[in-house]
Amino acid sequence: MTIATAQVGNATSAAANIYVSTGNTAITSLTMCNWGPNQIYANLYVVPNGNSAGTGTIALSNVLITSGETAQLYMFAEKLLLGPNDTIRANTSIATVTAITSYTKL
């Protein structure tokens, strides 16, 4: 397995890529850590290649993450399968979040 990390920007900007699939991959876990002093709200999008983040691709909406907490947004027995150039994107209400994605190539 491999790990990718990304800083997540705030909601005033477009959802940022936190993972871009290179080939066929399986997401094994995804967490977001709020290391700042204030609570935040996070949105998570699973976006097929060529599409945009929006209402048709949102997977989790307005997830509350309090100060100093980590939210496990994806950690199931089933894997989230992505094709080439599919992306996982996120935005948050405040830019104090680090996203960590664990994945494996298929």
Protein backbone atom coordinates (compact mmCIF):
# COMPACT_ATOMS: atom_id res chain seq x y z
CA MET A 1 0.00 0.00 0.00
CA THR A 2 0.99 3.58 -0.59
CA ILE A 3 0.05 6.79 1.20
CA ALA A 4 -0.67 10.21 -0.30
CA THR A 5 -1.04 13.39 1.79
CA ALA A 6 -2.54 16.76 0.81
CA GLN A 7 -3.34 20.08 2.43
CA VAL A 8 -7.02 20.91 1.91
CA GLY A 9 -7.93 24.51 1.04
CA ASN A 10 -10.98 26.40 2.21
CA ALA A 11 -14.47 26.46 0.73
CA THR A 12 -13.96 29.76 -1.06
CA SER A 13 -11.90 27.88 -3.63
CA ALA A 14 -12.82 24.97 -5.84
CA ALA A 15 -12.48 21.50 -4.37
CA ALA A 16 -8.82 20.54 -4.44
CA ASN A 17 -7.43 17.19 -5.55
CA ILE A 18 -6.39 15.15 -2.57
CA TYR A 19 -5.74 12.04 -4.66
CA VAL A 20 -5.37 11.44 -8.41
CA SER A 21 -5.44 7.84 -9.57
CA THR A 22 -2.58 6.77 -11.81
CA GLY A 23 -3.94 3.66 -13.44
CA ASN A 24 -6.43 1.44 -11.64
CA THR A 25 -6.24 1.82 -7.86
CA ALA A 26 -8.19 0.83 -4.76
CA ILE A 27 -8.62 3.29 -1.89
CA THR A 28 -8.19 1.47 1.41
CA SER A 29 -8.64 4.41 3.80
CA LEU A 30 -9.10 8.17 3.81
CA THR A 31 -8.80 10.46 6.82
CA MET A 32 -8.91 14.21 7.37
CA CYS A 33 -7.17 15.76 10.36
CA ASN A 34 -8.16 19.23 11.60
CA TRP A 35 -4.96 20.51 13.20
CA GLY A 36 -6.30 24.06 13.70
CA PRO A 37 -7.97 25.72 16.70
CA ASN A 38 -11.48 25.92 15.19
CA GLN A 39 -14.06 23.35 14.08
CA ILE A 40 -14.41 22.91 10.31
CA TYR A 41 -16.87 21.44 7.85
CA ALA A 42 -15.54 19.24 5.05
CA ASN A 43 -16.94 18.11 1.70
CA LEU A 44 -15.57 15.08 -0.12
CA TYR A 45 -16.07 14.34 -3.82
CA VAL A 46 -15.32 11.19 -5.85
CA VAL A 47 -14.87 12.49 -9.38
CA PRO A 48 -14.62 10.32 -12.50
CA ASN A 49 -12.03 11.36 -15.10
CA GLY A 50 -13.30 14.33 -17.11
CA ASN A 51 -16.00 15.38 -14.61
CA SER A 52 -16.12 18.19 -12.06
CA ALA A 53 -16.69 18.25 -8.31
CA GLY A 54 -20.29 19.16 -7.60
CA THR A 55 -23.67 17.82 -6.55
CA GLY A 56 -23.36 14.84 -8.90
CA THR A 57 -20.06 13.68 -7.40
CA ILE A 58 -20.32 14.60 -3.72
CA ALA A 59 -19.77 11.61 -1.41
CA LEU A 60 -19.83 13.36 1.99
CA SER A 61 -21.31 16.80 2.67
CA ASN A 62 -20.58 19.20 5.52
CA VAL A 63 -18.84 16.67 7.78
CA LEU A 64 -18.04 18.38 11.10
CA ILE A 65 -14.45 17.91 12.30
CA THR A 66 -13.73 19.59 15.63
CA SER A 67 -10.38 21.13 16.55
CA GLY A 68 -7.64 18.54 16.97
CA GLU A 69 -9.79 15.68 15.70
CA THR A 70 -9.38 13.25 12.82
CA ALA A 71 -12.34 12.02 10.80
CA GLN A 72 -12.12 8.60 9.19
CA LEU A 73 -14.08 9.31 6.03
CA TYR A 74 -13.44 6.04 4.27
CA MET A 75 -12.28 2.89 6.02
CA PHE A 76 -14.43 -0.07 5.11
CA ALA A 77 -13.93 -3.72 4.23
CA GLU A 78 -14.96 -2.83 0.67
CA LYS A 79 -12.51 -0.81 -1.42
CA LEU A 80 -13.26 2.29 -3.47
CA LEU A 81 -12.06 1.44 -6.99
CA LEU A 82 -10.77 4.24 -9.21
CA GLY A 83 -9.75 4.25 -12.87
CA PRO A 84 -6.99 6.27 -14.55
CA ASN A 85 -7.18 9.99 -13.68
CA ASP A 86 -10.24 9.62 -11.43
CA THR A 87 -9.84 11.96 -8.46
CA ILE A 88 -10.85 12.40 -4.86
CA ARG A 89 -11.35 16.08 -4.08
CA ALA A 90 -12.23 18.04 -0.97
CA ASN A 91 -12.86 21.50 0.35
CA THR A 92 -13.28 22.75 3.89
CA SER A 93 -14.63 25.80 5.68
CA ILE A 94 -11.15 26.66 7.03
CA ALA A 95 -7.77 25.64 5.58
CA THR A 96 -6.46 23.72 8.61
CA VAL A 97 -6.91 20.19 7.31
CA THR A 98 -4.53 17.50 6.13
CA ALA A 99 -5.99 14.60 4.15
CA ILE A 100 -4.28 11.20 4.13
CA THR A 101 -5.25 8.61 1.54
CA SER A 102 -4.05 5.01 1.60
CA TYR A 103 -4.27 3.15 -1.70
CA THR A 104 -2.97 0.22 -3.66
CA LYS A 105 -2.48 -0.26 -7.39
CA LEU A 106 -4.49 -2.99 -9.05
